Amino acid sequence: MADISAQAVKDLRERTGAGFMDCKRALEETGGDFEAAIVLLRERGQAAAAKKAGREAREGLVGSYIHTGGRIGVLIEVNCETDFVARNEQFQKLVRDLAMQVAGMRPSYVSVDHIPADVLEAKKAELLADEATQKKPESIRPQIVDGQLKKWFKEICLLEQPFRDTDQTIASLITDAIATIGENIRVRRFERYELGEEL
C-alpha cells in the first residue's frame, strides 16, 4: 500500500470537494495515483447521485445574473431538498455558474426531455431532408440524423452543454455537486433576456 501524505489528501479534497476519509481511501485504492483517485471519486459520486435522483427537491434558489453592461440578464430556478442547502455557499455558487452558462451559451431548454415533441420532430425532418443526408445510403441516414441531433442537443439543452471551456457537461457538474452536497439538485427552469431581441 502506498504511503499517502496528508498534503495529497488535502489537495484531492480541494480539487473534488469530497470528504477527507473518502479522499484518503481513493488515494489508497489507486496506489497514490491522483488522477485515478479523481476518476474513482467521480464514479462513486455518480452512484451516490443516482440514489438521490428520485428524492423530492422543492427548496432552492431563484438566482439571477446580469452581464456587464446590462444587455443580457438571466433568471434561473435551481431546486434542492432543504433550505439549509439553499443557503450553502457551494450551492449558491453552482446557481450563479448555471446562470452565467445560460447567459453565455443561450440554451433554449433545460434538458432533452423539455424539448416539445413537435419541435423535435420538425428538427428530425429538417435533418433528414438535408441535401448532405439525402446523398448518403438510406440505411445509414437514421444514424446520421441521430448524430446531428446529439450535436443540436449540446447547443440548445443546458444539461448537455459543456461547462465553460471544459469537457465536463452541465449534467455532470450537477451530479458532482449532488455527490458533494449530499442532496438531489435539479434545474427547474430559466429565462434569458437580451436587450433588443425579438423587436
Protein backbone atom coordinates (compact mmCIF):
# COMPACT_ATOMS: atom_id res chain seq x y z
CA MET A 1 0.00 0.00 0.00
CA ALA A 2 1.27 3.45 -0.95
CA ASP A 3 2.15 5.92 1.78
CA ILE A 4 -0.45 8.68 1.40
CA SER A 5 0.57 12.12 2.66
CA ALA A 6 -1.85 14.47 4.37
CA GLN A 7 -0.99 17.07 1.71
CA ALA A 8 -2.06 14.69 -1.09
CA VAL A 9 -5.37 14.07 0.67
CA LYS A 10 -5.83 17.84 1.20
CA ASP A 11 -5.07 18.56 -2.49
CA LEU A 12 -7.53 15.88 -3.64
CA ARG A 13 -10.16 17.18 -1.27
CA GLU A 14 -9.74 20.76 -2.57
CA ARG A 15 -9.96 19.56 -6.18
CA THR A 16 -13.01 17.31 -5.75
CA GLY A 17 -14.87 18.61 -2.70
CA ALA A 18 -15.14 15.02 -1.39
CA GLY A 19 -14.75 14.18 2.30
CA PHE A 20 -11.33 13.67 3.93
CA MET A 21 -11.75 9.91 4.50
CA ASP A 22 -13.21 9.38 1.00
CA CYS A 23 -10.16 11.10 -0.49
CA LYS A 24 -7.77 9.07 1.66
CA ARG A 25 -9.46 5.78 0.69
CA ALA A 26 -9.49 6.72 -3.00
CA LEU A 27 -5.75 7.50 -2.92
CA GLU A 28 -5.04 4.25 -1.07
CA GLU A 29 -7.09 2.21 -3.56
CA THR A 30 -5.35 3.80 -6.55
CA GLY A 31 -1.84 3.46 -5.10
CA GLY A 32 -1.47 7.24 -4.72
CA ASP A 33 -2.39 7.98 -8.36
CA PHE A 34 -4.01 11.42 -8.09
CA GLU A 35 -5.86 11.38 -11.45
CA ALA A 36 -7.13 7.81 -10.93
CA ALA A 37 -8.38 8.84 -7.46
CA ILE A 38 -10.34 11.71 -9.04
CA VAL A 39 -11.94 9.26 -11.50
CA LEU A 40 -12.77 6.85 -8.68
CA LEU A 41 -14.35 9.61 -6.57
CA ARG A 42 -16.33 10.82 -9.58
CA GLU A 43 -17.64 7.29 -10.25
CA ARG A 44 -18.66 6.93 -6.62
CA GLY A 45 -20.25 10.36 -6.76
CA GLN A 46 -22.26 9.30 -9.83
CA ALA A 47 -23.53 6.28 -7.91
CA ALA A 48 -24.43 8.42 -4.89
CA ALA A 49 -26.13 10.97 -7.13
CA ALA A 50 -28.17 8.26 -8.86
CA LYS A 51 -29.51 7.13 -5.47
CA LYS A 52 -30.59 10.69 -4.66
CA ALA A 53 -32.15 11.42 -8.08
CA GLY A 54 -35.62 10.25 -7.09
CA ARG A 55 -35.79 12.36 -3.96
CA GLU A 56 -38.07 15.39 -3.80
CA ALA A 57 -36.38 18.76 -4.45
CA ARG A 58 -38.72 21.65 -3.61
CA GLU A 59 -36.39 24.10 -1.89
CA GLY A 60 -33.60 26.01 -3.60
CA LEU A 61 -32.97 29.40 -5.12
CA VAL A 62 -34.06 31.65 -7.91
CA GLY A 63 -30.75 33.09 -8.98
CA SER A 64 -30.01 35.95 -11.33
CA TYR A 65 -27.13 37.14 -13.42
CA ILE A 66 -26.82 40.45 -15.24
CA HIS A 67 -23.95 40.55 -17.72
CA THR A 68 -21.61 43.55 -17.65
CA GLY A 69 -23.22 46.46 -19.44
CA GLY A 70 -26.74 45.30 -18.57
CA ARG A 71 -27.51 43.93 -22.05
CA ILE A 72 -28.11 40.29 -21.01
CA GLY A 73 -29.91 39.00 -17.93
CA VAL A 74 -30.86 35.55 -16.65
CA LEU A 75 -33.27 34.25 -14.03
CA ILE A 76 -32.86 30.58 -13.10
CA GLU A 77 -34.59 28.31 -10.59
CA VAL A 78 -32.43 25.54 -9.15
CA ASN A 79 -34.03 23.18 -6.63
CA CYS A 80 -32.56 21.18 -3.75
CA GLU A 81 -34.11 19.26 -0.86
CA THR A 82 -33.67 21.67 2.07
CA ASP A 83 -33.44 25.40 2.67
CA PHE A 84 -30.25 24.67 4.67
CA VAL A 85 -28.50 23.59 1.44
CA ALA A 86 -30.05 26.51 -0.46
CA ARG A 87 -28.13 28.84 1.87
CA ASN A 88 -24.89 26.84 1.38
CA GLU A 89 -22.13 28.79 -0.36
CA GLN A 90 -21.32 25.89 -2.71
CA PHE A 91 -24.96 25.60 -3.85
CA GLN A 92 -25.18 29.38 -4.37
CA LYS A 93 -22.00 29.28 -6.48
CA LEU A 94 -23.50 26.46 -8.58
CA VAL A 95 -26.65 28.53 -9.19
CA ARG A 96 -24.54 31.53 -10.25
CA ASP A 97 -22.39 29.36 -12.55
CA LEU A 98 -25.54 27.96 -14.16
CA ALA A 99 -27.00 31.45 -14.66
CA MET A 100 -23.74 32.58 -16.30
CA GLN A 101 -23.84 29.48 -18.52
CA VAL A 102 -27.35 30.38 -19.69
CA ALA A 103 -26.25 33.97 -20.37
CA GLY A 104 -23.23 32.93 -22.41
CA MET A 105 -24.38 29.76 -24.19
CA ARG A 106 -28.05 30.63 -24.89
CA PRO A 107 -29.72 27.25 -24.30
CA SER A 108 -33.44 27.08 -25.06
CA TYR A 109 -34.35 24.14 -22.83
CA VAL A 110 -33.18 22.61 -19.55
CA SER A 111 -32.82 19.09 -20.99
CA VAL A 112 -33.73 16.91 -23.96
CA ASP A 113 -36.90 15.89 -22.07
CA HIS A 114 -38.05 19.53 -22.10
CA ILE A 115 -37.97 19.85 -25.92
CA PRO A 116 -41.58 19.83 -27.19
CA ALA A 117 -42.36 16.77 -29.35
CA ASP A 118 -43.38 18.90 -32.35
CA VAL A 119 -40.08 20.85 -32.22
CA LEU A 120 -38.08 17.61 -32.03
CA GLU A 121 -39.99 16.01 -34.92
CA ALA A 122 -39.57 19.15 -37.05
CA LYS A 123 -35.80 19.11 -36.43
CA LYS A 124 -35.57 15.40 -37.31
CA ALA A 125 -37.48 16.05 -40.55
CA GLU A 126 -35.21 19.01 -41.36
CA LEU A 127 -32.06 16.95 -40.77
CA LEU A 128 -33.41 14.02 -42.80
CA ALA A 129 -34.35 16.31 -45.70
CA ASP A 130 -30.90 17.94 -45.72
CA GLU A 131 -29.14 17.54 -49.07
CA ALA A 132 -25.98 16.07 -47.50
CA THR A 133 -28.02 13.44 -45.64
CA GLN A 134 -30.04 12.55 -48.75
CA LYS A 135 -26.81 11.80 -50.65
CA LYS A 136 -25.95 9.05 -48.14
CA PRO A 137 -27.27 5.47 -48.38
CA GLU A 138 -30.78 5.16 -46.96
CA SER A 139 -29.68 2.51 -44.44
CA ILE A 140 -27.34 4.91 -42.58
CA ARG A 141 -29.48 8.06 -42.68
CA PRO A 142 -31.09 7.40 -39.24
CA GLN A 143 -27.62 7.17 -37.61
CA ILE A 144 -26.56 10.40 -39.34
CA VAL A 145 -29.69 12.16 -38.08
CA ASP A 146 -29.10 10.79 -34.53
CA GLY A 147 -25.53 12.11 -34.56
CA GLN A 148 -26.67 15.52 -35.76
CA LEU A 149 -29.43 15.60 -33.13
CA LYS A 150 -26.84 14.98 -30.39
CA LYS A 151 -24.83 17.98 -31.64
CA TRP A 152 -28.02 20.05 -31.70
CA PHE A 153 -28.88 19.00 -28.12
CA LYS A 154 -25.49 20.37 -26.99
CA GLU A 155 -26.44 23.73 -28.47
CA ILE A 156 -30.00 24.04 -27.14
CA CYS A 157 -30.12 21.98 -23.90
CA LEU A 158 -28.43 23.36 -20.80
CA LEU A 159 -27.66 19.96 -19.25
CA GLU A 160 -25.99 18.73 -22.47
CA GLN A 161 -23.70 21.74 -22.85
CA PRO A 162 -20.02 21.67 -21.86
CA PHE A 163 -19.31 23.73 -18.75
CA ARG A 164 -17.20 26.73 -19.77
CA ASP A 165 -14.13 25.54 -21.68
CA THR A 166 -14.07 22.02 -20.21
CA ASP A 167 -15.12 18.54 -21.33
CA GLN A 168 -17.47 18.30 -18.34
CA THR A 169 -21.17 18.69 -19.16
CA ILE A 170 -23.55 20.73 -17.03
CA ALA A 171 -25.33 17.46 -16.12
CA SER A 172 -22.01 16.07 -14.84
CA LEU A 173 -21.30 19.31 -12.95
CA ILE A 174 -24.67 18.98 -11.18
CA THR A 175 -24.02 15.28 -10.47
CA ASP A 176 -20.70 16.20 -8.84
CA ALA A 177 -22.50 18.83 -6.74
CA ILE A 178 -25.10 16.25 -5.66
CA ALA A 179 -22.31 13.88 -4.59
CA THR A 180 -20.51 16.62 -2.65
CA ILE A 181 -23.50 18.39 -1.09
CA GLY A 182 -25.47 15.21 -0.43
CA GLU A 183 -28.88 16.31 -1.74
CA ASN A 184 -30.76 15.98 -5.01
CA ILE A 185 -30.31 19.10 -7.16
CA ARG A 186 -32.13 19.94 -10.36
CA VAL A 187 -32.58 22.89 -12.67
CA ARG A 188 -36.30 23.53 -12.90
CA ARG A 189 -36.43 26.43 -15.36
CA PHE A 190 -34.67 29.53 -16.62
CA GLU A 191 -35.35 32.63 -18.66
CA ARG A 192 -32.75 34.57 -20.64
CA TYR A 193 -33.27 38.18 -21.67
CA GLU A 194 -31.21 40.08 -24.21
CA LEU A 195 -31.70 43.77 -24.88
CA GLY A 196 -33.49 44.37 -28.18
CA GLU A 197 -34.18 40.71 -29.01
CA GLU A 198 -37.39 39.88 -30.90
CA LEU A 199 -38.23 43.54 -31.58
